[in-house]
Amino acid sequence: MAHAWMPGACRIRAKTDGGPLIGGAPRAVWLTLGTAPGAVSVQSAAQRLIGERRPCHLVWDPVTGGVAQLVSVLRAGRALGAADHLDWAPGRVRVDSENVNAEGRVCVQIGVLGHPGEPFTGGTLAGIEMIISWLDSWGVPRRWPAGPPEGYRLDVPASAAAIADRRSRVAWARGGHFGASQVPGCENAGPGAIDIDRITGPHGLLGRARGLPAPRAEAAIPVPA
């Protein structure tokens, strides 16, 4: 049975969310919050995001396994396109009711305590199976249509960014798992060059113990002419 609130997560309900979802392929988006695991609690990080009116669905500490849920999976989050770190500054949080936050039957945003320059999959991933199993229950396929997220970069040329955005829109329509940096129309930098097999298998922590088909990173999708 699929639960709108993830079993085992601490519930810290945001007063403001991204509104109703508009339908489409189910997705999960992984972003980093620019702070090391253990530097702040998931509860403190959640309260900060709520106060800045940019809540994601989940805040996860991969070292302790702590998870806080801020928004029901049946509602849109507000983290995509906003600042992707906890050191907020005025003017950095954009609000756009027509952005990708609301696209999909579900569009689950997972804010990880980590930094894009230090991929969080390089360490402990406590609680990852609980999160992935919950996403499974909502029909999010264990695939990465845009392939593994690229490494952390601040100097992307405008022409390269435009090409990447066109490619990401093709991949985005397919649903599955994405890094925030792969979401069309967003400027998020994270989560960095994470090892996607350690999140969705088949060679990482999850394996194939549940008898699920082994997911594979997909080849880059060519840009339409």
N, C-alpha and C. Protein backbone atom coordinates (compact mmCIF):
# COMPACT_ATOMS: atom_id res chain seq x y z
N MET A 1 0.84 -1.20 0.00
CA MET A 1 0.00 0.00 0.00
C MET A 1 0.87 1.25 0.00
N ALA A 2 0.55 2.20 -0.85
CA ALA A 2 1.32 3.44 -0.93
C ALA A 2 0.80 4.43 0.10
N HIS A 3 1.72 5.02 0.86
CA HIS A 3 1.37 5.99 1.89
C HIS A 3 1.83 7.38 1.46
N ALA A 4 0.98 8.37 1.63
CA ALA A 4 1.34 9.73 1.26
C ALA A 4 2.45 10.27 2.14
N TRP A 5 2.53 9.76 3.37
CA TRP A 5 3.60 10.14 4.30
C TRP A 5 4.43 8.89 4.55
N MET A 6 5.74 8.99 4.34
CA MET A 6 6.60 7.83 4.38
C MET A 6 6.67 7.22 5.77
N PRO A 7 6.36 5.93 5.89
CA PRO A 7 6.50 5.27 7.18
C PRO A 7 7.94 5.35 7.70
N GLY A 8 8.10 5.70 8.96
CA GLY A 8 9.42 5.80 9.55
C GLY A 8 10.03 7.18 9.49
N ALA A 9 9.44 8.10 8.74
CA ALA A 9 9.97 9.47 8.65
C ALA A 9 9.35 10.34 9.73
N CYS A 10 10.13 11.28 10.23
CA CYS A 10 9.62 12.29 11.15
C CYS A 10 8.78 13.28 10.35
N ARG A 11 7.56 13.51 10.77
CA ARG A 11 6.66 14.38 10.01
C ARG A 11 6.74 15.81 10.55
N ILE A 12 7.17 16.73 9.68
CA ILE A 12 7.22 18.16 10.01
C ILE A 12 6.50 18.87 8.88
N ARG A 13 5.23 19.07 9.02
CA ARG A 13 4.40 19.53 7.90
C ARG A 13 4.65 21.00 7.57
N ALA A 14 4.95 21.27 6.29
CA ALA A 14 5.11 22.65 5.83
C ALA A 14 3.75 23.31 5.67
N LYS A 15 3.67 24.57 6.03
CA LYS A 15 2.40 25.30 5.87
C LYS A 15 2.16 25.69 4.41
N THR A 16 3.24 25.78 3.64
CA THR A 16 3.15 26.15 2.24
C THR A 16 3.79 25.08 1.39
N ASP A 17 3.08 24.62 0.34
CA ASP A 17 3.68 23.68 -0.59
C ASP A 17 3.52 24.21 -2.01
N GLY A 18 3.84 23.39 -3.01
CA GLY A 18 3.79 23.84 -4.39
C GLY A 18 2.45 23.65 -5.06
N GLY A 19 1.42 23.27 -4.30
CA GLY A 19 0.10 23.13 -4.87
C GLY A 19 -0.15 21.75 -5.45
N PRO A 20 -1.26 21.59 -6.17
CA PRO A 20 -1.60 20.29 -6.74
C PRO A 20 -0.64 19.91 -7.87
N LEU A 21 -0.45 18.61 -8.04
CA LEU A 21 0.37 18.10 -9.14
C LEU A 21 -0.45 18.07 -10.42
N ILE A 22 0.22 18.27 -11.56
CA ILE A 22 -0.51 18.41 -12.81
C ILE A 22 -0.48 17.15 -13.67
N GLY A 23 0.16 16.08 -13.17
CA GLY A 23 0.15 14.82 -13.90
C GLY A 23 1.37 14.63 -14.77
N GLY A 24 1.55 13.40 -15.21
CA GLY A 24 2.71 13.05 -16.02
C GLY A 24 3.46 11.89 -15.38
N ALA A 25 4.62 11.58 -15.91
CA ALA A 25 5.41 10.46 -15.42
C ALA A 25 5.86 10.70 -13.98
N PRO A 26 5.88 9.67 -13.14
CA PRO A 26 6.33 9.83 -11.76
C PRO A 26 7.85 9.99 -11.69
N ARG A 27 8.29 10.86 -10.78
CA ARG A 27 9.71 11.18 -10.69
C ARG A 27 10.17 11.30 -9.25
N ALA A 28 11.47 11.09 -9.06
CA ALA A 28 12.16 11.43 -7.81
C ALA A 28 13.36 12.28 -8.18
N VAL A 29 13.57 13.35 -7.46
CA VAL A 29 14.68 14.27 -7.74
C VAL A 29 15.55 14.38 -6.50
N TRP A 30 16.85 14.14 -6.67
CA TRP A 30 17.82 14.17 -5.58
C TRP A 30 18.58 15.48 -5.63
N LEU A 31 18.58 16.21 -4.53
CA LEU A 31 19.32 17.46 -4.43
C LEU A 31 20.11 17.49 -3.15
N THR A 32 21.15 18.29 -3.10
CA THR A 32 21.95 18.43 -1.89
C THR A 32 21.70 19.80 -1.28
N LEU A 33 21.85 19.86 0.06
CA LEU A 33 21.52 21.08 0.79
C LEU A 33 22.76 21.87 1.22
N GLY A 34 23.94 21.47 0.71
CA GLY A 34 25.14 22.27 0.92
C GLY A 34 25.65 22.27 2.34
N THR A 35 25.34 21.24 3.09
CA THR A 35 25.85 21.12 4.46
C THR A 35 26.19 19.68 4.73
N ALA A 36 27.22 19.44 5.51
CA ALA A 36 27.68 18.07 5.75
C ALA A 36 26.69 17.31 6.62
N PRO A 37 26.58 16.00 6.41
CA PRO A 37 25.75 15.19 7.29
C PRO A 37 26.19 15.37 8.74
N GLY A 38 25.24 15.52 9.63
CA GLY A 38 25.55 15.70 11.05
C GLY A 38 25.82 17.13 11.45
N ALA A 39 26.04 18.03 10.47
CA ALA A 39 26.28 19.44 10.81
C ALA A 39 25.04 20.08 11.40
N VAL A 40 23.89 19.69 10.89
CA VAL A 40 22.60 20.09 11.44
C VAL A 40 21.71 18.85 11.44
N SER A 41 20.67 18.85 12.25
CA SER A 41 19.74 17.73 12.26
C SER A 41 18.77 17.85 11.09
N VAL A 42 18.15 16.74 10.71
CA VAL A 42 17.16 16.81 9.63
C VAL A 42 15.99 17.69 10.05
N GLN A 43 15.69 17.71 11.35
CA GLN A 43 14.60 18.56 11.84
C GLN A 43 14.93 20.03 11.67
N SER A 44 16.17 20.42 12.01
CA SER A 44 16.58 21.82 11.86
C SER A 44 16.60 22.23 10.39
N ALA A 45 17.14 21.35 9.53
CA ALA A 45 17.16 21.65 8.10
C ALA A 45 15.75 21.80 7.56
N ALA A 46 14.84 20.93 7.99
CA ALA A 46 13.45 20.99 7.55
C ALA A 46 12.80 22.31 7.97
N GLN A 47 13.02 22.71 9.20
CA GLN A 47 12.43 23.95 9.68
C GLN A 47 12.96 25.16 8.92
N ARG A 48 14.24 25.12 8.54
CA ARG A 48 14.81 26.23 7.78
C ARG A 48 14.18 26.31 6.39
N LEU A 49 14.04 25.17 5.73
CA LEU A 49 13.43 25.16 4.41
C LEU A 49 11.97 25.60 4.47
N ILE A 50 11.26 25.19 5.50
CA ILE A 50 9.87 25.60 5.67
C ILE A 50 9.78 27.10 5.89
N GLY A 51 10.68 27.63 6.73
CA GLY A 51 10.67 29.06 7.00
C GLY A 51 10.96 29.89 5.78
N GLU A 52 11.72 29.34 4.84
CA GLU A 52 12.06 30.05 3.61
C GLU A 52 11.11 29.72 2.47
N ARG A 53 10.05 28.98 2.78
CA ARG A 53 8.98 28.67 1.83
C ARG A 53 9.50 27.93 0.60
N ARG A 54 10.46 27.03 0.81
CA ARG A 54 10.99 26.22 -0.28
C ARG A 54 11.17 24.76 0.17
N PRO A 55 10.12 24.17 0.73
CA PRO A 55 10.27 22.82 1.25
C PRO A 55 10.39 21.77 0.13
N CYS A 56 11.27 20.81 0.32
CA CYS A 56 11.26 19.60 -0.48
C CYS A 56 10.36 18.60 0.24
N HIS A 57 10.19 17.42 -0.30
CA HIS A 57 9.36 16.41 0.36
C HIS A 57 10.08 15.77 1.54
N LEU A 58 11.33 15.33 1.28
CA LEU A 58 12.11 14.66 2.32
C LEU A 58 13.41 15.40 2.56
N VAL A 59 13.85 15.40 3.82
CA VAL A 59 15.22 15.79 4.17
C VAL A 59 15.86 14.55 4.78
N TRP A 60 17.02 14.17 4.25
CA TRP A 60 17.65 12.90 4.64
C TRP A 60 19.10 13.11 5.03
N ASP A 61 19.49 12.53 6.17
CA ASP A 61 20.89 12.48 6.59
C ASP A 61 21.40 11.08 6.28
N PRO A 62 22.25 10.90 5.27
CA PRO A 62 22.68 9.56 4.87
C PRO A 62 23.60 8.87 5.87
N VAL A 63 24.14 9.61 6.83
CA VAL A 63 25.02 9.01 7.84
C VAL A 63 24.21 8.43 8.99
N THR A 64 23.25 9.20 9.49
CA THR A 64 22.44 8.72 10.61
C THR A 64 21.20 7.95 10.15
N GLY A 65 20.78 8.16 8.92
CA GLY A 65 19.55 7.55 8.43
C GLY A 65 18.31 8.32 8.80
N GLY A 66 18.47 9.48 9.45
CA GLY A 66 17.31 10.29 9.82
C GLY A 66 16.61 10.86 8.61
N VAL A 67 15.27 10.81 8.59
CA VAL A 67 14.47 11.34 7.49
C VAL A 67 13.34 12.16 8.07
N ALA A 68 13.14 13.35 7.55
CA ALA A 68 11.99 14.18 7.89
C ALA A 68 11.18 14.42 6.63
N GLN A 69 9.86 14.34 6.74
CA GLN A 69 9.00 14.63 5.59
C GLN A 69 8.24 15.92 5.86
N LEU A 70 8.26 16.81 4.85
CA LEU A 70 7.69 18.15 4.99
C LEU A 70 6.39 18.30 4.21
N VAL A 71 6.27 17.58 3.11
CA VAL A 71 5.14 17.74 2.19
C VAL A 71 4.60 16.37 1.82
N SER A 72 3.28 16.23 1.74
CA SER A 72 2.67 14.99 1.28
C SER A 72 3.11 14.70 -0.15
N VAL A 73 3.27 13.41 -0.46
CA VAL A 73 3.66 13.04 -1.82
C VAL A 73 2.58 13.43 -2.83
N LEU A 74 1.37 13.69 -2.37
CA LEU A 74 0.27 14.06 -3.25
C LEU A 74 0.25 15.55 -3.59
N ARG A 75 1.21 16.30 -3.04
CA ARG A 75 1.32 17.74 -3.32
C ARG A 75 2.72 18.02 -3.85
N ALA A 76 2.86 19.13 -4.54
CA ALA A 76 4.17 19.52 -5.09
C ALA A 76 5.04 20.15 -4.01
N GLY A 77 6.35 19.92 -4.12
CA GLY A 77 7.31 20.62 -3.30
C GLY A 77 7.64 21.97 -3.91
N ARG A 78 8.62 22.66 -3.33
CA ARG A 78 9.01 23.99 -3.83
C ARG A 78 10.52 24.16 -3.90
N ALA A 79 11.27 23.06 -3.92
CA ALA A 79 12.73 23.17 -3.85
C ALA A 79 13.40 23.31 -5.21
N LEU A 80 12.77 22.83 -6.28
CA LEU A 80 13.42 22.86 -7.59
C LEU A 80 13.44 24.27 -8.14
N GLY A 81 14.64 24.73 -8.52
CA GLY A 81 14.78 26.09 -9.02
C GLY A 81 15.08 27.10 -7.95
N ALA A 82 14.90 26.72 -6.68
CA ALA A 82 15.25 27.61 -5.57
C ALA A 82 16.71 27.37 -5.20
N ALA A 83 17.21 28.13 -4.24
CA ALA A 83 18.58 27.93 -3.78
C ALA A 83 18.72 26.50 -3.27
N ASP A 84 19.85 25.85 -3.62
CA ASP A 84 20.01 24.45 -3.25
C ASP A 84 21.02 24.29 -2.11
N HIS A 85 20.95 25.20 -1.16
CA HIS A 85 21.76 25.08 0.05
C HIS A 85 21.04 25.80 1.18
N LEU A 86 21.46 25.53 2.40
CA LEU A 86 20.77 26.10 3.56
C LEU A 86 21.22 27.52 3.89
N ASP A 87 22.36 27.96 3.33
CA ASP A 87 22.82 29.33 3.58
C ASP A 87 22.07 30.27 2.65
N TRP A 88 20.86 30.60 3.05
CA TRP A 88 19.95 31.37 2.20
C TRP A 88 20.32 32.86 2.23
N ALA A 89 20.05 33.54 1.12
CA ALA A 89 20.21 34.99 1.04
C ALA A 89 18.98 35.57 0.34
N PRO A 90 18.54 36.78 0.71
CA PRO A 90 17.35 37.37 0.07
C PRO A 90 17.50 37.44 -1.44
N GLY A 91 16.41 37.15 -2.13
CA GLY A 91 16.40 37.23 -3.57
C GLY A 91 16.79 35.95 -4.28
N ARG A 92 17.29 34.96 -3.54
CA ARG A 92 17.73 33.72 -4.18
C ARG A 92 16.60 32.73 -4.35
N VAL A 93 15.53 32.89 -3.58
CA VAL A 93 14.42 31.94 -3.66
C VAL A 93 13.39 32.47 -4.64
N ARG A 94 13.21 31.76 -5.75
CA ARG A 94 12.24 32.16 -6.75
C ARG A 94 10.96 31.35 -6.56
N VAL A 95 9.83 31.97 -6.81
CA VAL A 95 8.56 31.28 -6.74
C VAL A 95 7.88 31.38 -8.09
N ASP A 96 7.62 30.24 -8.71
CA ASP A 96 7.02 30.22 -10.03
C ASP A 96 6.00 29.10 -10.06
N SER A 97 4.72 29.44 -10.11
CA SER A 97 3.67 28.43 -10.03
C SER A 97 3.65 27.52 -11.24
N GLU A 98 4.34 27.90 -12.33
CA GLU A 98 4.32 27.10 -13.55
C GLU A 98 5.60 26.29 -13.75
N ASN A 99 6.44 26.21 -12.73
CA ASN A 99 7.70 25.51 -12.94
C ASN A 99 7.54 24.02 -12.75
N VAL A 100 8.64 23.29 -12.82
CA VAL A 100 8.60 21.83 -12.84
C VAL A 100 8.29 21.20 -11.50
N ASN A 101 8.19 21.99 -10.44
CA ASN A 101 7.87 21.41 -9.14
C ASN A 101 6.57 20.60 -9.17
N ALA A 102 5.62 21.02 -10.00
CA ALA A 102 4.30 20.39 -10.00
C ALA A 102 4.12 19.35 -11.10
N GLU A 103 5.14 19.07 -11.89
CA GLU A 103 5.00 18.14 -12.99
C GLU A 103 5.15 16.69 -12.52
N GLY A 104 4.24 15.83 -12.97
CA GLY A 104 4.28 14.42 -12.63
C GLY A 104 3.10 14.00 -11.77
N ARG A 105 2.78 12.70 -11.84
CA ARG A 105 1.78 12.17 -10.91
C ARG A 105 2.30 12.32 -9.49
N VAL A 106 3.61 12.06 -9.33
CA VAL A 106 4.35 12.44 -8.14
C VAL A 106 5.68 13.00 -8.61
N CYS A 107 6.23 13.92 -7.85
CA CYS A 107 7.56 14.47 -8.14
C CYS A 107 8.24 14.67 -6.79
N VAL A 108 8.79 13.57 -6.27
CA VAL A 108 9.31 13.54 -4.90
C VAL A 108 10.70 14.16 -4.87
N GLN A 109 10.87 15.21 -4.08
CA GLN A 109 12.14 15.91 -3.96
C GLN A 109 12.82 15.49 -2.66
N ILE A 110 14.04 14.94 -2.78
CA ILE A 110 14.78 14.46 -1.61
C ILE A 110 15.98 15.37 -1.38
N GLY A 111 15.93 16.15 -0.32
CA GLY A 111 17.03 17.03 0.04
C GLY A 111 18.01 16.28 0.94
N VAL A 112 19.23 16.06 0.46
CA VAL A 112 20.23 15.28 1.18
C VAL A 112 21.20 16.22 1.89
N LEU A 113 21.50 15.92 3.15
CA LEU A 113 22.53 16.67 3.85
C LEU A 113 23.87 16.26 3.25
N GLY A 114 24.39 17.10 2.39
CA GLY A 114 25.61 16.81 1.67
C GLY A 114 25.95 17.98 0.78
N HIS A 115 27.09 17.91 0.10
CA HIS A 115 27.56 18.98 -0.78
C HIS A 115 27.80 18.40 -2.17
N PRO A 116 27.43 19.13 -3.23
CA PRO A 116 27.62 18.58 -4.57
C PRO A 116 29.07 18.31 -4.93
N GLY A 117 30.00 19.01 -4.29
CA GLY A 117 31.41 18.77 -4.55
C GLY A 117 31.95 17.52 -3.89
N GLU A 118 31.19 16.93 -2.98
CA GLU A 118 31.58 15.72 -2.28
C GLU A 118 30.40 14.75 -2.35
N PRO A 119 30.27 13.99 -3.44
CA PRO A 119 29.08 13.15 -3.65
C PRO A 119 28.74 12.29 -2.44
N PHE A 120 27.49 12.36 -2.01
CA PHE A 120 27.09 11.69 -0.78
C PHE A 120 27.12 10.17 -0.90
N THR A 121 27.15 9.64 -2.12
CA THR A 121 27.21 8.18 -2.28
C THR A 121 28.59 7.62 -1.97
N GLY A 122 29.55 8.48 -1.68
CA GLY A 122 30.88 8.01 -1.32
C GLY A 122 30.97 7.52 0.11
N GLY A 123 29.92 7.72 0.90
CA GLY A 123 29.93 7.31 2.30
C GLY A 123 28.75 6.42 2.64
N THR A 124 28.39 6.42 3.91
CA THR A 124 27.28 5.62 4.40
C THR A 124 25.97 6.11 3.82
N LEU A 125 25.08 5.18 3.48
CA LEU A 125 23.76 5.53 2.97
C LEU A 125 22.69 4.88 3.85
N ALA A 126 22.71 5.21 5.12
CA ALA A 126 21.76 4.63 6.06
C ALA A 126 20.33 5.06 5.70
N GLY A 127 19.44 4.10 5.60
CA GLY A 127 18.04 4.39 5.32
C GLY A 127 17.69 4.45 3.85
N ILE A 128 18.63 4.20 2.94
CA ILE A 128 18.34 4.34 1.52
C ILE A 128 17.28 3.34 1.06
N GLU A 129 17.32 2.11 1.58
CA GLU A 129 16.35 1.12 1.13
C GLU A 129 14.93 1.52 1.52
N MET A 130 14.77 2.12 2.69
CA MET A 130 13.45 2.58 3.12
C MET A 130 12.91 3.64 2.16
N ILE A 131 13.78 4.56 1.75
CA ILE A 131 13.35 5.62 0.84
C ILE A 131 13.00 5.05 -0.54
N ILE A 132 13.87 4.21 -1.07
CA ILE A 132 13.63 3.65 -2.41
C ILE A 132 12.38 2.77 -2.42
N SER A 133 12.18 2.01 -1.38
CA SER A 133 10.98 1.16 -1.32
C SER A 133 9.71 2.01 -1.32
N TRP A 134 9.76 3.14 -0.64
CA TRP A 134 8.60 4.04 -0.61
C TRP A 134 8.37 4.64 -2.00
N LEU A 135 9.45 5.02 -2.68
CA LEU A 135 9.31 5.54 -4.04
C LEU A 135 8.79 4.46 -4.98
N ASP A 136 9.24 3.22 -4.78
CA ASP A 136 8.70 2.10 -5.56
C ASP A 136 7.19 2.03 -5.43
N SER A 137 6.69 2.21 -4.20
CA SER A 137 5.25 2.07 -3.96
C SER A 137 4.45 3.12 -4.70
N TRP A 138 5.09 4.23 -5.08
CA TRP A 138 4.42 5.29 -5.83
C TRP A 138 4.72 5.20 -7.33
N GLY A 139 5.32 4.11 -7.75
CA GLY A 139 5.51 3.88 -9.18
C GLY A 139 6.67 4.61 -9.81
N VAL A 140 7.62 5.11 -9.00
CA VAL A 140 8.79 5.77 -9.58
C VAL A 140 9.74 4.68 -10.07
N PRO A 141 9.96 4.58 -11.37
CA PRO A 141 10.80 3.49 -11.89
C PRO A 141 12.27 3.66 -11.49
N ARG A 142 12.93 2.54 -11.25
CA ARG A 142 14.34 2.57 -10.86
C ARG A 142 15.23 2.74 -12.09
N ARG A 143 15.14 3.88 -12.71
CA ARG A 143 15.96 4.19 -13.87
C ARG A 143 16.34 5.66 -13.81
N TRP A 144 17.40 6.00 -14.53
CA TRP A 144 17.91 7.37 -14.59
C TRP A 144 17.92 7.78 -16.07
N PRO A 145 16.83 8.31 -16.60
CA PRO A 145 16.75 8.61 -18.03
C PRO A 145 17.82 9.58 -18.53
N ALA A 146 18.30 10.46 -17.68
CA ALA A 146 19.33 11.40 -18.09
C ALA A 146 20.73 10.90 -17.78
N GLY A 147 20.85 9.65 -17.32
CA GLY A 147 22.13 9.10 -16.94
C GLY A 147 22.59 9.63 -15.59
N PRO A 148 23.80 9.29 -15.17
CA PRO A 148 24.31 9.79 -13.88
C PRO A 148 24.49 11.30 -13.91
N PRO A 149 24.14 12.00 -12.83
CA PRO A 149 24.39 13.45 -12.78
C PRO A 149 25.88 13.74 -12.93
N GLU A 150 26.19 14.87 -13.53
CA GLU A 150 27.59 15.25 -13.74
C GLU A 150 28.18 15.87 -12.49
N GLY A 151 29.50 16.02 -12.50
CA GLY A 151 30.20 16.61 -11.37
C GLY A 151 29.83 18.07 -11.17
N TYR A 152 30.13 18.56 -10.01
CA TYR A 152 29.81 19.93 -9.61
C TYR A 152 30.63 20.93 -10.41
N ARG A 153 29.92 21.84 -11.12
CA ARG A 153 30.60 22.86 -11.92
C ARG A 153 29.90 24.20 -11.75
N LEU A 154 30.70 25.26 -11.70
CA LEU A 154 30.15 26.61 -11.61
C LEU A 154 30.37 27.41 -12.88
N ASP A 155 31.14 26.86 -13.83
CA ASP A 155 31.57 27.62 -15.01
C ASP A 155 31.02 27.03 -16.30
N VAL A 156 29.75 26.63 -16.31
CA VAL A 156 29.17 26.04 -17.51
C VAL A 156 28.86 27.13 -18.52
N PRO A 157 29.39 27.06 -19.75
CA PRO A 157 29.08 28.07 -20.77
C PRO A 157 27.60 28.10 -21.09
N ALA A 158 27.10 29.27 -21.48
CA ALA A 158 25.67 29.42 -21.76
C ALA A 158 25.21 28.48 -22.87
N SER A 159 26.06 28.30 -23.91
CA SER A 159 25.67 27.43 -25.02
C SER A 159 25.54 25.97 -24.57
N ALA A 160 26.48 25.53 -23.72
CA ALA A 160 26.42 24.16 -23.21
C ALA A 160 25.20 23.98 -22.31
N ALA A 161 24.89 25.00 -21.53
CA ALA A 161 23.73 24.93 -20.64
C ALA A 161 22.44 24.82 -21.45
N ALA A 162 22.36 25.53 -22.56
CA ALA A 162 21.16 25.48 -23.40
C ALA A 162 20.97 24.10 -24.02
N ILE A 163 22.07 23.49 -24.49
CA ILE A 163 22.00 22.15 -25.07
C ILE A 163 21.58 21.15 -24.00
N ALA A 164 22.18 21.26 -22.81
CA ALA A 164 21.84 20.35 -21.72
C ALA A 164 20.38 20.48 -21.34
N ASP A 165 19.85 21.70 -21.38
CA ASP A 165 18.45 21.90 -21.00
C ASP A 165 17.52 21.25 -22.02
N ARG A 166 17.86 21.35 -23.30
CA ARG A 166 17.04 20.70 -24.33
C ARG A 166 17.05 19.19 -24.16
N ARG A 167 18.24 18.63 -23.89
CA ARG A 167 18.35 17.19 -23.69
C ARG A 167 17.57 16.77 -22.44
N SER A 168 17.65 17.57 -21.38
CA SER A 168 17.01 17.18 -20.14
C SER A 168 15.50 17.17 -20.26
N ARG A 169 14.94 18.00 -21.12
CA ARG A 169 13.48 18.00 -21.30
C ARG A 169 13.00 16.69 -21.93
N VAL A 170 13.80 16.11 -22.82
CA VAL A 170 13.45 14.83 -23.43
C VAL A 170 13.49 13.74 -22.36
N ALA A 171 14.56 13.70 -21.57
CA ALA A 171 14.69 12.70 -20.52
C ALA A 171 13.63 12.88 -19.44
N TRP A 172 13.37 14.13 -19.06
CA TRP A 172 12.43 14.44 -17.99
C TRP A 172 11.05 13.87 -18.28
N ALA A 173 10.65 13.86 -19.53
CA ALA A 173 9.32 13.38 -19.89
C ALA A 173 9.15 11.88 -19.62
N ARG A 174 10.24 11.16 -19.47
CA ARG A 174 10.17 9.71 -19.31
C ARG A 174 9.93 9.27 -17.87
N GLY A 175 10.23 10.14 -16.90
CA GLY A 175 10.06 9.77 -15.50
C GLY A 175 11.19 8.90 -15.00
N GLY A 176 11.28 8.76 -13.68
CA GLY A 176 12.35 8.00 -13.06
C GLY A 176 13.08 8.86 -12.05
N HIS A 177 14.37 8.57 -11.85
CA HIS A 177 15.20 9.30 -10.90
C HIS A 177 16.08 10.31 -11.63
N PHE A 178 16.26 11.48 -11.01
CA PHE A 178 17.06 12.56 -11.59
C PHE A 178 17.84 13.25 -10.49
N GLY A 179 18.97 13.83 -10.88
CA GLY A 179 19.62 14.82 -10.02
C GLY A 179 18.98 16.16 -10.28
N ALA A 180 18.98 17.04 -9.28
CA ALA A 180 18.36 18.36 -9.47
C ALA A 180 19.02 19.13 -10.61
N SER A 181 20.32 18.89 -10.84
CA SER A 181 21.03 19.57 -11.92
C SER A 181 20.55 19.12 -13.29
N GLN A 182 19.77 18.04 -13.36
CA GLN A 182 19.26 17.51 -14.63
C GLN A 182 17.82 17.94 -14.90
N VAL A 183 17.25 18.73 -14.02
CA VAL A 183 15.85 19.14 -14.17
C VAL A 183 15.78 20.34 -15.11
N PRO A 184 14.97 20.26 -16.16
CA PRO A 184 14.90 21.37 -17.13
C PRO A 184 14.41 22.65 -16.50
N GLY A 185 15.07 23.75 -16.86
CA GLY A 185 14.66 25.06 -16.37
C GLY A 185 15.15 25.41 -14.99
N CYS A 186 15.92 24.53 -14.34
CA CYS A 186 16.40 24.78 -12.99
C CYS A 186 17.90 25.07 -13.00
N GLU A 187 18.35 25.80 -11.99
CA GLU A 187 19.76 26.15 -11.89
C GLU A 187 20.43 25.45 -10.71
N ASN A 188 19.80 24.41 -10.19
CA ASN A 188 20.38 23.70 -9.06
C ASN A 188 21.70 23.05 -9.46
N ALA A 189 22.68 23.07 -8.55
CA ALA A 189 24.01 22.54 -8.85
C ALA A 189 24.17 21.09 -8.44
N GLY A 190 23.41 20.64 -7.46
CA GLY A 190 23.59 19.30 -6.92
C GLY A 190 22.85 18.24 -7.70
N PRO A 191 23.05 17.01 -7.35
CA PRO A 191 23.81 16.51 -6.19
C PRO A 191 25.27 16.20 -6.47
N GLY A 192 25.80 16.55 -7.64
CA GLY A 192 27.16 16.19 -8.00
C GLY A 192 27.22 14.81 -8.63
N ALA A 193 28.43 14.30 -8.80
CA ALA A 193 28.65 13.05 -9.52
C ALA A 193 28.40 11.85 -8.60
N ILE A 194 27.15 11.64 -8.23
CA ILE A 194 26.79 10.54 -7.35
C ILE A 194 26.84 9.20 -8.10
N ASP A 195 27.03 8.12 -7.35
CA ASP A 195 27.03 6.77 -7.89
C ASP A 195 25.58 6.27 -7.86
N ILE A 196 24.91 6.30 -9.00
CA ILE A 196 23.49 5.98 -9.03
C ILE A 196 23.21 4.52 -8.67
N ASP A 197 24.18 3.61 -8.89
CA ASP A 197 23.98 2.21 -8.53
C ASP A 197 23.83 2.04 -7.02
N ARG A 198 24.42 2.94 -6.25
CA ARG A 198 24.29 2.85 -4.80
C ARG A 198 22.93 3.34 -4.32
N ILE A 199 22.17 3.96 -5.20
CA ILE A 199 20.84 4.43 -4.83
C ILE A 199 19.77 3.46 -5.32
N THR A 200 19.80 3.11 -6.58
CA THR A 200 18.75 2.27 -7.15
C THR A 200 19.21 0.88 -7.55
N GLY A 201 20.47 0.51 -7.26
CA GLY A 201 20.97 -0.82 -7.64
C GLY A 201 21.45 -0.79 -9.10
N PRO A 202 21.88 -1.94 -9.66
CA PRO A 202 21.79 -3.27 -9.05
C PRO A 202 23.01 -3.68 -8.24
N HIS A 203 24.10 -2.91 -8.31
CA HIS A 203 25.34 -3.39 -7.71
C HIS A 203 25.63 -2.78 -6.34
N GLY A 204 24.73 -1.91 -5.86
CA GLY A 204 24.98 -1.23 -4.60
C GLY A 204 24.28 -1.91 -3.43
N LEU A 205 23.76 -1.10 -2.53
CA LEU A 205 23.20 -1.61 -1.30
C LEU A 205 21.92 -2.40 -1.51
N LEU A 206 21.15 -2.05 -2.53
CA LEU A 206 19.84 -2.66 -2.69
C LEU A 206 19.91 -4.04 -3.32
N GLY A 207 20.84 -4.23 -4.24
CA GLY A 207 20.97 -5.51 -4.91
C GLY A 207 19.67 -5.92 -5.59
N ARG A 208 19.45 -7.23 -5.65
CA ARG A 208 18.24 -7.74 -6.28
C ARG A 208 17.53 -8.71 -5.35
N ALA A 209 17.67 -8.45 -4.04
CA ALA A 209 17.09 -9.36 -3.06
C ALA A 209 15.58 -9.43 -3.18
N ARG A 210 14.97 -8.35 -3.66
CA ARG A 210 13.52 -8.33 -3.76
C ARG A 210 13.02 -8.93 -5.07
N GLY A 211 13.93 -9.39 -5.92
CA GLY A 211 13.51 -9.98 -7.18
C GLY A 211 13.09 -8.95 -8.20
N LEU A 212 13.46 -7.68 -8.00
CA LEU A 212 13.09 -6.64 -8.94
C LEU A 212 14.05 -6.65 -10.12
N PRO A 213 13.60 -6.23 -11.28
CA PRO A 213 14.51 -6.18 -12.43
C PRO A 213 15.63 -5.19 -12.17
N ALA A 214 16.82 -5.52 -12.60
CA ALA A 214 17.97 -4.66 -12.37
C ALA A 214 17.86 -3.41 -13.21
N PRO A 215 17.88 -2.21 -12.56
CA PRO A 215 17.84 -0.97 -13.31
C PRO A 215 19.19 -0.67 -13.92
N ARG A 216 19.20 0.12 -14.96
CA ARG A 216 20.45 0.47 -15.61
C ARG A 216 20.48 1.96 -15.90
N ALA A 217 21.65 2.56 -15.79
CA ALA A 217 21.80 3.94 -16.23
C ALA A 217 21.63 3.96 -17.74
N GLU A 218 20.85 4.89 -18.23
CA GLU A 218 20.56 4.92 -19.66
C GLU A 218 21.51 5.84 -20.40
N ALA A 219 21.73 5.56 -21.64
CA ALA A 219 22.62 6.38 -22.45
C ALA A 219 22.06 7.78 -22.60
N ALA A 220 22.95 8.72 -22.80
CA ALA A 220 22.49 10.10 -23.00
C ALA A 220 21.56 10.17 -24.21
N ILE A 221 20.51 10.94 -24.06
CA ILE A 221 19.51 11.06 -25.11
C ILE A 221 19.91 12.15 -26.08
N PRO A 222 19.96 11.86 -27.37
CA PRO A 222 20.38 12.89 -28.33
C PRO A 222 19.42 14.07 -28.36
N VAL A 223 19.97 15.23 -28.64
CA VAL A 223 19.15 16.43 -28.73
C VAL A 223 18.42 16.46 -30.05
N PRO A 224 17.09 16.68 -30.04
CA PRO A 224 16.34 16.75 -31.30
C PRO A 224 16.84 17.87 -32.18
N ALA A 225 16.83 17.66 -33.48
CA ALA A 225 17.28 18.69 -34.42
C ALA A 225 16.27 19.82 -34.45
